[in-house]
Amino acid sequence: LAINSGIAYPVLAGYPVGPSDEEYVLVNNKCQCVTVTSKFVPSQENPEEEVLERNIRIIVPLKARENISDPLSPLRTTFVYRLSELCKNCEPIEIDLGGAIHQAQQGNSCEEPQTCYTYDRNECYSSPVPLLHHGEVMQVPAALTPESCFAQ
């Protein structure tokens, strides 16, 4: 993440990591195992001034599959992280246009599916499993993340 390159960064609202911690979480992407945080720290040039520091934590999952829903797919060897995609906000927002309330998308390219490198525990993943029933082999979906697939 280059700060002095002239690139304009999006302004993101964050939430604090802890009650007494002044570090704010800007991105927490469980699908790609990325967390981006920011906090104000004393400047190295002038300790009386504070500068904004951003930290990017990436966890690369070992033995991740190309298709996480297929345990037999080949191991993933390439991981791509684009900060602009991680920071996009696809939560819909209500806006008032001429007295009428409309739903608007806050981010661009939100329709494109995101590539997951590991299981997002909020999503239900399943994979077909062969099941022998009365001499006939049937493909039955099996939950790979049971806690996300079944109601409590």
N, C-alpha and C. Protein backbone atom coordinates (compact mmCIF):
# COMPACT_ATOMS: atom_id res chain seq x y z
N LEU A 1 0.87 -1.17 0.00
CA LEU A 1 0.00 0.00 0.00
C LEU A 1 0.90 1.22 0.00
N ALA A 2 0.99 1.92 -1.13
CA ALA A 2 1.86 3.09 -1.25
C ALA A 2 1.09 4.33 -0.86
N ILE A 3 1.67 5.12 0.04
CA ILE A 3 0.97 6.31 0.50
C ILE A 3 1.40 7.53 -0.30
N ASN A 4 2.65 7.57 -0.75
CA ASN A 4 3.16 8.74 -1.45
C ASN A 4 3.13 8.59 -2.97
N SER A 5 2.27 7.75 -3.49
CA SER A 5 2.27 7.50 -4.93
C SER A 5 1.25 8.35 -5.68
N GLY A 6 0.48 9.16 -4.98
CA GLY A 6 -0.51 10.00 -5.64
C GLY A 6 -1.82 9.27 -5.90
N ILE A 7 -1.98 8.07 -5.35
CA ILE A 7 -3.22 7.31 -5.54
C ILE A 7 -4.24 7.80 -4.54
N ALA A 8 -5.47 8.00 -5.00
CA ALA A 8 -6.54 8.43 -4.09
C ALA A 8 -7.16 7.20 -3.46
N TYR A 9 -7.23 7.18 -2.14
CA TYR A 9 -7.81 6.05 -1.43
C TYR A 9 -9.23 6.39 -1.02
N PRO A 10 -10.10 5.37 -0.99
CA PRO A 10 -11.47 5.65 -0.57
C PRO A 10 -11.51 5.97 0.92
N VAL A 11 -12.43 6.83 1.30
CA VAL A 11 -12.62 7.14 2.72
C VAL A 11 -13.62 6.13 3.25
N LEU A 12 -13.20 5.37 4.24
CA LEU A 12 -14.02 4.30 4.75
C LEU A 12 -14.36 4.54 6.22
N ALA A 13 -15.57 4.24 6.57
CA ALA A 13 -15.94 4.29 7.99
C ALA A 13 -15.55 2.97 8.61
N GLY A 14 -14.96 3.01 9.80
CA GLY A 14 -14.54 1.79 10.46
C GLY A 14 -15.19 1.67 11.82
N TYR A 15 -14.87 0.56 12.48
CA TYR A 15 -15.33 0.38 13.85
C TYR A 15 -14.15 -0.02 14.69
N PRO A 16 -14.14 0.38 15.97
CA PRO A 16 -12.96 0.10 16.80
C PRO A 16 -12.77 -1.38 17.07
N VAL A 17 -11.50 -1.81 17.17
CA VAL A 17 -11.19 -3.20 17.45
C VAL A 17 -11.59 -3.55 18.87
N GLY A 18 -11.31 -2.67 19.81
CA GLY A 18 -11.64 -2.94 21.20
C GLY A 18 -12.12 -1.67 21.87
N PRO A 19 -12.66 -1.78 23.10
CA PRO A 19 -13.21 -0.60 23.77
C PRO A 19 -12.17 0.48 24.05
N SER A 20 -10.93 0.08 24.38
CA SER A 20 -9.91 1.08 24.68
C SER A 20 -8.89 1.21 23.56
N ASP A 21 -9.09 0.45 22.48
CA ASP A 21 -8.15 0.45 21.38
C ASP A 21 -8.58 1.49 20.35
N GLU A 22 -7.65 2.27 19.85
CA GLU A 22 -7.99 3.30 18.87
C GLU A 22 -7.72 2.85 17.45
N GLU A 23 -7.50 1.55 17.26
CA GLU A 23 -7.32 1.01 15.92
C GLU A 23 -8.71 0.67 15.37
N TYR A 24 -8.96 1.09 14.13
CA TYR A 24 -10.27 0.88 13.52
C TYR A 24 -10.18 -0.14 12.40
N VAL A 25 -11.17 -1.03 12.34
CA VAL A 25 -11.25 -2.03 11.28
C VAL A 25 -11.97 -1.41 10.09
N LEU A 26 -11.29 -1.34 8.95
CA LEU A 26 -11.90 -0.81 7.73
C LEU A 26 -12.48 -1.92 6.88
N VAL A 27 -11.76 -3.04 6.80
CA VAL A 27 -12.20 -4.18 6.00
C VAL A 27 -11.99 -5.44 6.82
N ASN A 28 -13.00 -6.30 6.86
CA ASN A 28 -12.85 -7.61 7.48
C ASN A 28 -13.48 -8.61 6.52
N ASN A 29 -12.69 -9.08 5.57
CA ASN A 29 -13.19 -9.95 4.52
C ASN A 29 -12.89 -11.39 4.89
N LYS A 30 -13.91 -12.10 5.39
CA LYS A 30 -13.72 -13.48 5.81
C LYS A 30 -13.55 -14.41 4.62
N CYS A 31 -14.06 -14.00 3.48
CA CYS A 31 -14.00 -14.83 2.29
C CYS A 31 -12.56 -14.96 1.78
N GLN A 32 -11.82 -13.85 1.80
CA GLN A 32 -10.43 -13.87 1.33
C GLN A 32 -9.42 -13.73 2.47
N CYS A 33 -9.89 -13.80 3.70
CA CYS A 33 -9.02 -13.79 4.89
C CYS A 33 -8.15 -12.53 4.96
N VAL A 34 -8.77 -11.37 4.75
CA VAL A 34 -8.04 -10.11 4.77
C VAL A 34 -8.69 -9.17 5.79
N THR A 35 -7.85 -8.53 6.59
CA THR A 35 -8.32 -7.50 7.51
C THR A 35 -7.47 -6.25 7.30
N VAL A 36 -8.13 -5.11 7.11
CA VAL A 36 -7.43 -3.83 6.96
C VAL A 36 -7.83 -2.96 8.14
N THR A 37 -6.83 -2.45 8.86
CA THR A 37 -7.10 -1.59 10.00
C THR A 37 -6.36 -0.27 9.83
N SER A 38 -6.79 0.73 10.58
CA SER A 38 -6.09 2.01 10.56
C SER A 38 -6.07 2.59 11.97
N LYS A 39 -5.05 3.38 12.25
CA LYS A 39 -4.98 4.09 13.53
C LYS A 39 -4.02 5.25 13.37
N PHE A 40 -4.17 6.23 14.24
CA PHE A 40 -3.28 7.38 14.24
C PHE A 40 -2.08 7.07 15.14
N VAL A 41 -0.88 7.33 14.60
CA VAL A 41 0.36 7.10 15.34
C VAL A 41 1.21 8.36 15.27
N PRO A 42 2.14 8.55 16.22
CA PRO A 42 3.01 9.72 16.15
C PRO A 42 3.87 9.70 14.88
N SER A 43 4.01 10.85 14.24
CA SER A 43 4.81 10.97 13.03
C SER A 43 6.29 10.78 13.37
N GLN A 44 7.03 10.12 12.48
CA GLN A 44 8.47 9.92 12.69
C GLN A 44 9.22 11.24 12.51
N GLU A 45 8.72 12.09 11.61
CA GLU A 45 9.37 13.38 11.38
C GLU A 45 9.09 14.36 12.52
N ASN A 46 7.84 14.37 12.98
CA ASN A 46 7.44 15.29 14.04
C ASN A 46 6.56 14.52 15.04
N PRO A 47 7.14 14.06 16.15
CA PRO A 47 6.39 13.23 17.11
C PRO A 47 5.18 13.93 17.72
N GLU A 48 5.08 15.26 17.58
CA GLU A 48 3.92 15.96 18.13
C GLU A 48 2.71 15.88 17.20
N GLU A 49 2.94 15.46 15.95
CA GLU A 49 1.86 15.29 14.99
C GLU A 49 1.52 13.82 14.87
N GLU A 50 0.27 13.54 14.48
CA GLU A 50 -0.14 12.17 14.25
C GLU A 50 -0.38 11.95 12.76
N VAL A 51 -0.03 10.76 12.29
CA VAL A 51 -0.29 10.38 10.90
C VAL A 51 -1.14 9.11 10.92
N LEU A 52 -1.90 8.92 9.85
CA LEU A 52 -2.76 7.75 9.74
C LEU A 52 -1.94 6.57 9.22
N GLU A 53 -1.95 5.48 9.97
CA GLU A 53 -1.23 4.27 9.57
C GLU A 53 -2.25 3.21 9.24
N ARG A 54 -2.06 2.54 8.09
CA ARG A 54 -2.95 1.44 7.71
C ARG A 54 -2.17 0.14 7.77
N ASN A 55 -2.81 -0.88 8.30
CA ASN A 55 -2.20 -2.20 8.37
C ASN A 55 -3.09 -3.19 7.64
N ILE A 56 -2.47 -4.00 6.79
CA ILE A 56 -3.19 -5.02 6.04
C ILE A 56 -2.70 -6.38 6.51
N ARG A 57 -3.63 -7.19 7.03
CA ARG A 57 -3.29 -8.54 7.46
C ARG A 57 -3.93 -9.53 6.50
N ILE A 58 -3.10 -10.36 5.87
CA ILE A 58 -3.58 -11.37 4.92
C ILE A 58 -3.19 -12.73 5.46
N ILE A 59 -4.17 -13.61 5.60
CA ILE A 59 -3.89 -14.99 5.97
C ILE A 59 -4.09 -15.84 4.72
N VAL A 60 -3.01 -16.49 4.29
CA VAL A 60 -3.10 -17.37 3.12
C VAL A 60 -3.40 -18.78 3.62
N PRO A 61 -4.59 -19.30 3.33
CA PRO A 61 -4.95 -20.63 3.85
C PRO A 61 -4.16 -21.74 3.16
N LEU A 62 -3.54 -22.59 3.96
CA LEU A 62 -2.82 -23.73 3.41
C LEU A 62 -3.82 -24.77 2.94
N LYS A 63 -3.49 -25.45 1.88
CA LYS A 63 -4.32 -26.51 1.32
C LYS A 63 -5.68 -26.01 0.86
N ALA A 64 -5.77 -24.73 0.45
CA ALA A 64 -7.01 -24.21 -0.12
C ALA A 64 -7.21 -24.81 -1.51
N ARG A 65 -8.43 -25.13 -1.84
CA ARG A 65 -8.75 -25.73 -3.13
C ARG A 65 -9.16 -24.66 -4.13
N GLU A 66 -8.94 -24.94 -5.42
CA GLU A 66 -9.39 -24.02 -6.48
C GLU A 66 -10.89 -23.79 -6.37
N ASN A 67 -11.63 -24.85 -6.12
CA ASN A 67 -13.07 -24.76 -5.90
C ASN A 67 -13.31 -25.24 -4.47
N ILE A 68 -13.59 -24.32 -3.57
CA ILE A 68 -13.67 -24.70 -2.15
C ILE A 68 -14.83 -25.64 -1.87
N SER A 69 -15.81 -25.70 -2.77
CA SER A 69 -16.93 -26.63 -2.57
C SER A 69 -16.62 -28.02 -3.11
N ASP A 70 -15.45 -28.20 -3.73
CA ASP A 70 -15.06 -29.50 -4.27
C ASP A 70 -13.76 -29.94 -3.62
N PRO A 71 -13.83 -30.82 -2.62
CA PRO A 71 -12.62 -31.25 -1.92
C PRO A 71 -11.61 -31.96 -2.81
N LEU A 72 -12.03 -32.39 -4.01
CA LEU A 72 -11.12 -33.09 -4.91
C LEU A 72 -10.49 -32.18 -5.96
N SER A 73 -10.86 -30.89 -5.98
CA SER A 73 -10.27 -29.97 -6.95
C SER A 73 -8.80 -29.72 -6.57
N PRO A 74 -7.98 -29.29 -7.55
CA PRO A 74 -6.55 -29.10 -7.26
C PRO A 74 -6.31 -28.00 -6.24
N LEU A 75 -5.16 -28.07 -5.58
CA LEU A 75 -4.80 -27.05 -4.61
C LEU A 75 -4.60 -25.70 -5.28
N ARG A 76 -5.02 -24.65 -4.62
CA ARG A 76 -4.85 -23.29 -5.14
C ARG A 76 -3.41 -22.85 -4.94
N THR A 77 -2.82 -22.32 -5.99
CA THR A 77 -1.43 -21.84 -5.91
C THR A 77 -1.33 -20.34 -6.13
N THR A 78 -2.40 -19.70 -6.62
CA THR A 78 -2.39 -18.27 -6.87
C THR A 78 -3.47 -17.59 -6.04
N PHE A 79 -3.07 -16.55 -5.32
CA PHE A 79 -3.99 -15.76 -4.51
C PHE A 79 -3.88 -14.31 -4.96
N VAL A 80 -5.01 -13.69 -5.32
CA VAL A 80 -5.02 -12.32 -5.83
C VAL A 80 -5.82 -11.45 -4.87
N TYR A 81 -5.21 -10.34 -4.44
CA TYR A 81 -5.87 -9.41 -3.53
C TYR A 81 -5.86 -8.03 -4.16
N ARG A 82 -7.03 -7.47 -4.41
CA ARG A 82 -7.15 -6.12 -4.94
C ARG A 82 -7.82 -5.26 -3.88
N LEU A 83 -7.08 -4.26 -3.39
CA LEU A 83 -7.59 -3.42 -2.32
C LEU A 83 -8.89 -2.73 -2.72
N SER A 84 -9.00 -2.32 -3.98
CA SER A 84 -10.22 -1.64 -4.42
C SER A 84 -11.43 -2.55 -4.33
N GLU A 85 -11.26 -3.85 -4.57
CA GLU A 85 -12.38 -4.78 -4.47
C GLU A 85 -12.69 -5.11 -3.02
N LEU A 86 -11.65 -5.20 -2.19
CA LEU A 86 -11.88 -5.49 -0.77
C LEU A 86 -12.60 -4.34 -0.08
N CYS A 87 -12.34 -3.12 -0.54
CA CYS A 87 -12.89 -1.93 0.12
C CYS A 87 -14.26 -1.52 -0.42
N LYS A 88 -14.73 -2.16 -1.48
CA LYS A 88 -16.02 -1.73 -2.02
C LYS A 88 -17.13 -2.06 -1.04
N ASN A 89 -18.10 -1.17 -0.97
CA ASN A 89 -19.22 -1.31 -0.05
C ASN A 89 -20.46 -1.65 -0.87
N CYS A 90 -20.91 -2.88 -0.75
CA CYS A 90 -22.06 -3.32 -1.54
C CYS A 90 -23.35 -3.37 -0.73
N GLU A 91 -23.31 -2.80 0.48
CA GLU A 91 -24.54 -2.74 1.28
C GLU A 91 -25.50 -1.74 0.63
N PRO A 92 -26.76 -2.13 0.43
CA PRO A 92 -27.72 -1.17 -0.14
C PRO A 92 -28.06 -0.07 0.86
N ILE A 93 -28.39 1.10 0.33
CA ILE A 93 -28.74 2.24 1.19
C ILE A 93 -30.03 2.85 0.65
N GLU A 94 -30.85 3.40 1.54
CA GLU A 94 -32.09 4.06 1.13
C GLU A 94 -31.82 5.54 0.96
N ILE A 95 -32.25 6.08 -0.20
CA ILE A 95 -32.09 7.52 -0.45
C ILE A 95 -33.45 8.10 -0.84
N ASP A 96 -33.61 9.38 -0.54
CA ASP A 96 -34.85 10.08 -0.84
C ASP A 96 -34.67 10.85 -2.14
N LEU A 97 -35.42 10.47 -3.17
CA LEU A 97 -35.37 11.16 -4.46
C LEU A 97 -36.74 11.73 -4.76
N GLY A 98 -36.87 13.03 -4.62
CA GLY A 98 -38.14 13.69 -4.93
C GLY A 98 -39.29 13.21 -4.07
N GLY A 99 -39.02 12.90 -2.82
CA GLY A 99 -40.07 12.47 -1.91
C GLY A 99 -40.32 10.98 -1.92
N ALA A 100 -39.65 10.23 -2.81
CA ALA A 100 -39.82 8.78 -2.85
C ALA A 100 -38.53 8.12 -2.38
N ILE A 101 -38.66 7.07 -1.58
CA ILE A 101 -37.51 6.34 -1.06
C ILE A 101 -37.11 5.26 -2.06
N HIS A 102 -35.83 5.24 -2.43
CA HIS A 102 -35.30 4.24 -3.36
C HIS A 102 -34.11 3.54 -2.73
N GLN A 103 -33.92 2.28 -3.13
CA GLN A 103 -32.75 1.52 -2.70
C GLN A 103 -31.63 1.78 -3.71
N ALA A 104 -30.44 2.09 -3.21
CA ALA A 104 -29.30 2.35 -4.10
C ALA A 104 -28.12 1.50 -3.66
N GLN A 105 -27.34 1.09 -4.65
CA GLN A 105 -26.13 0.32 -4.38
C GLN A 105 -25.00 1.31 -4.11
N GLN A 106 -24.20 1.05 -3.07
CA GLN A 106 -23.13 1.98 -2.72
C GLN A 106 -21.85 1.71 -3.49
N GLY A 107 -21.66 0.50 -4.00
CA GLY A 107 -20.40 0.17 -4.67
C GLY A 107 -20.61 -0.21 -6.12
N ASN A 108 -19.50 -0.30 -6.85
CA ASN A 108 -19.53 -0.73 -8.24
C ASN A 108 -19.20 -2.21 -8.32
N SER A 109 -19.58 -2.84 -9.40
CA SER A 109 -19.29 -4.24 -9.72
C SER A 109 -19.62 -5.17 -8.55
N CYS A 110 -20.77 -4.93 -7.91
CA CYS A 110 -21.17 -5.77 -6.78
C CYS A 110 -21.84 -7.06 -7.25
N GLU A 111 -22.20 -7.12 -8.52
CA GLU A 111 -22.85 -8.32 -9.04
C GLU A 111 -21.85 -9.44 -9.29
N GLU A 112 -20.56 -9.08 -9.46
CA GLU A 112 -19.56 -10.09 -9.75
C GLU A 112 -19.31 -10.95 -8.52
N PRO A 113 -19.30 -12.28 -8.72
CA PRO A 113 -19.06 -13.15 -7.56
C PRO A 113 -17.63 -13.01 -7.05
N GLN A 114 -17.47 -13.09 -5.74
CA GLN A 114 -16.17 -12.98 -5.13
C GLN A 114 -15.51 -14.35 -5.04
N THR A 115 -14.23 -14.43 -5.32
CA THR A 115 -13.51 -15.68 -5.19
C THR A 115 -13.15 -15.89 -3.72
N CYS A 116 -13.61 -17.01 -3.18
CA CYS A 116 -13.33 -17.30 -1.78
C CYS A 116 -12.14 -18.24 -1.68
N TYR A 117 -11.22 -17.93 -0.76
CA TYR A 117 -10.05 -18.77 -0.54
C TYR A 117 -10.26 -19.72 0.63
N THR A 118 -11.28 -19.50 1.39
CA THR A 118 -11.62 -20.37 2.50
C THR A 118 -13.10 -20.25 2.75
N TYR A 119 -13.61 -21.02 3.67
CA TYR A 119 -15.03 -20.97 3.95
C TYR A 119 -15.37 -19.71 4.73
N ASP A 120 -16.39 -19.00 4.26
CA ASP A 120 -16.97 -17.91 5.03
C ASP A 120 -18.00 -18.57 5.94
N ARG A 121 -17.80 -18.50 7.24
CA ARG A 121 -18.66 -19.22 8.18
C ARG A 121 -20.11 -18.72 8.16
N ASN A 122 -20.36 -17.60 7.48
CA ASN A 122 -21.73 -17.12 7.36
C ASN A 122 -22.43 -17.72 6.14
N GLU A 123 -21.68 -18.43 5.30
CA GLU A 123 -22.23 -19.02 4.08
C GLU A 123 -22.36 -20.53 4.24
N CYS A 124 -23.31 -21.11 3.52
CA CYS A 124 -23.49 -22.57 3.53
C CYS A 124 -22.82 -23.13 2.28
N TYR A 125 -21.89 -24.05 2.48
CA TYR A 125 -21.21 -24.72 1.38
C TYR A 125 -21.55 -26.20 1.42
N SER A 126 -21.79 -26.77 0.25
CA SER A 126 -22.07 -28.20 0.18
C SER A 126 -21.34 -28.80 -1.01
N SER A 127 -21.20 -30.12 -0.97
CA SER A 127 -20.54 -30.84 -2.04
C SER A 127 -21.27 -32.16 -2.24
N PRO A 128 -21.47 -32.59 -3.51
CA PRO A 128 -22.17 -33.86 -3.72
C PRO A 128 -21.31 -35.04 -3.24
N VAL A 129 -21.96 -35.98 -2.57
CA VAL A 129 -21.29 -37.17 -2.05
C VAL A 129 -22.06 -38.39 -2.55
N PRO A 130 -21.34 -39.41 -3.08
CA PRO A 130 -22.06 -40.62 -3.53
C PRO A 130 -22.62 -41.40 -2.34
N LEU A 131 -23.89 -41.84 -2.46
CA LEU A 131 -24.55 -42.58 -1.40
C LEU A 131 -25.19 -43.82 -2.04
N LEU A 132 -24.88 -44.97 -1.48
CA LEU A 132 -25.45 -46.22 -1.98
C LEU A 132 -26.75 -46.48 -1.25
N HIS A 133 -27.86 -46.52 -1.99
CA HIS A 133 -29.18 -46.71 -1.39
C HIS A 133 -29.93 -47.75 -2.20
N HIS A 134 -30.23 -48.91 -1.58
CA HIS A 134 -30.92 -50.01 -2.26
C HIS A 134 -30.22 -50.39 -3.56
N GLY A 135 -28.89 -50.48 -3.51
CA GLY A 135 -28.12 -50.91 -4.67
C GLY A 135 -27.92 -49.85 -5.73
N GLU A 136 -28.43 -48.65 -5.50
CA GLU A 136 -28.28 -47.57 -6.48
C GLU A 136 -27.44 -46.45 -5.87
N VAL A 137 -26.46 -45.96 -6.66
CA VAL A 137 -25.60 -44.87 -6.20
C VAL A 137 -26.25 -43.54 -6.55
N MET A 138 -26.48 -42.71 -5.53
CA MET A 138 -27.09 -41.40 -5.74
C MET A 138 -26.11 -40.34 -5.24
N GLN A 139 -26.13 -39.18 -5.89
CA GLN A 139 -25.32 -38.04 -5.43
C GLN A 139 -26.18 -37.21 -4.47
N VAL A 140 -25.73 -37.10 -3.23
CA VAL A 140 -26.48 -36.38 -2.20
C VAL A 140 -25.63 -35.21 -1.72
N PRO A 141 -26.22 -34.00 -1.62
CA PRO A 141 -25.40 -32.88 -1.13
C PRO A 141 -25.07 -33.04 0.35
N ALA A 142 -23.80 -32.86 0.67
CA ALA A 142 -23.35 -32.92 2.06
C ALA A 142 -22.84 -31.55 2.46
N ALA A 143 -23.18 -31.12 3.65
CA ALA A 143 -22.78 -29.80 4.15
C ALA A 143 -21.31 -29.81 4.51
N LEU A 144 -20.54 -28.86 3.94
CA LEU A 144 -19.13 -28.71 4.29
C LEU A 144 -18.96 -27.78 5.48
N THR A 145 -19.94 -26.90 5.70
CA THR A 145 -19.93 -26.00 6.86
C THR A 145 -21.28 -26.18 7.57
N PRO A 146 -21.41 -27.26 8.34
CA PRO A 146 -22.74 -27.59 8.91
C PRO A 146 -23.33 -26.49 9.77
N GLU A 147 -22.50 -25.77 10.54
CA GLU A 147 -23.06 -24.76 11.43
C GLU A 147 -23.71 -23.62 10.66
N SER A 148 -23.34 -23.42 9.37
CA SER A 148 -23.95 -22.38 8.56
C SER A 148 -25.14 -22.89 7.75
N CYS A 149 -25.26 -24.21 7.64
CA CYS A 149 -26.30 -24.77 6.76
C CYS A 149 -27.57 -25.17 7.50
N PHE A 150 -27.45 -25.40 8.79
CA PHE A 150 -28.61 -25.89 9.53
C PHE A 150 -29.01 -24.88 10.59
N ALA A 151 -30.34 -24.72 10.75
CA ALA A 151 -30.85 -23.79 11.77
C ALA A 151 -30.48 -24.35 13.15
N GLN A 152 -30.28 -23.43 14.07
CA GLN A 152 -29.92 -23.84 15.44
C GLN A 152 -31.07 -24.56 16.09
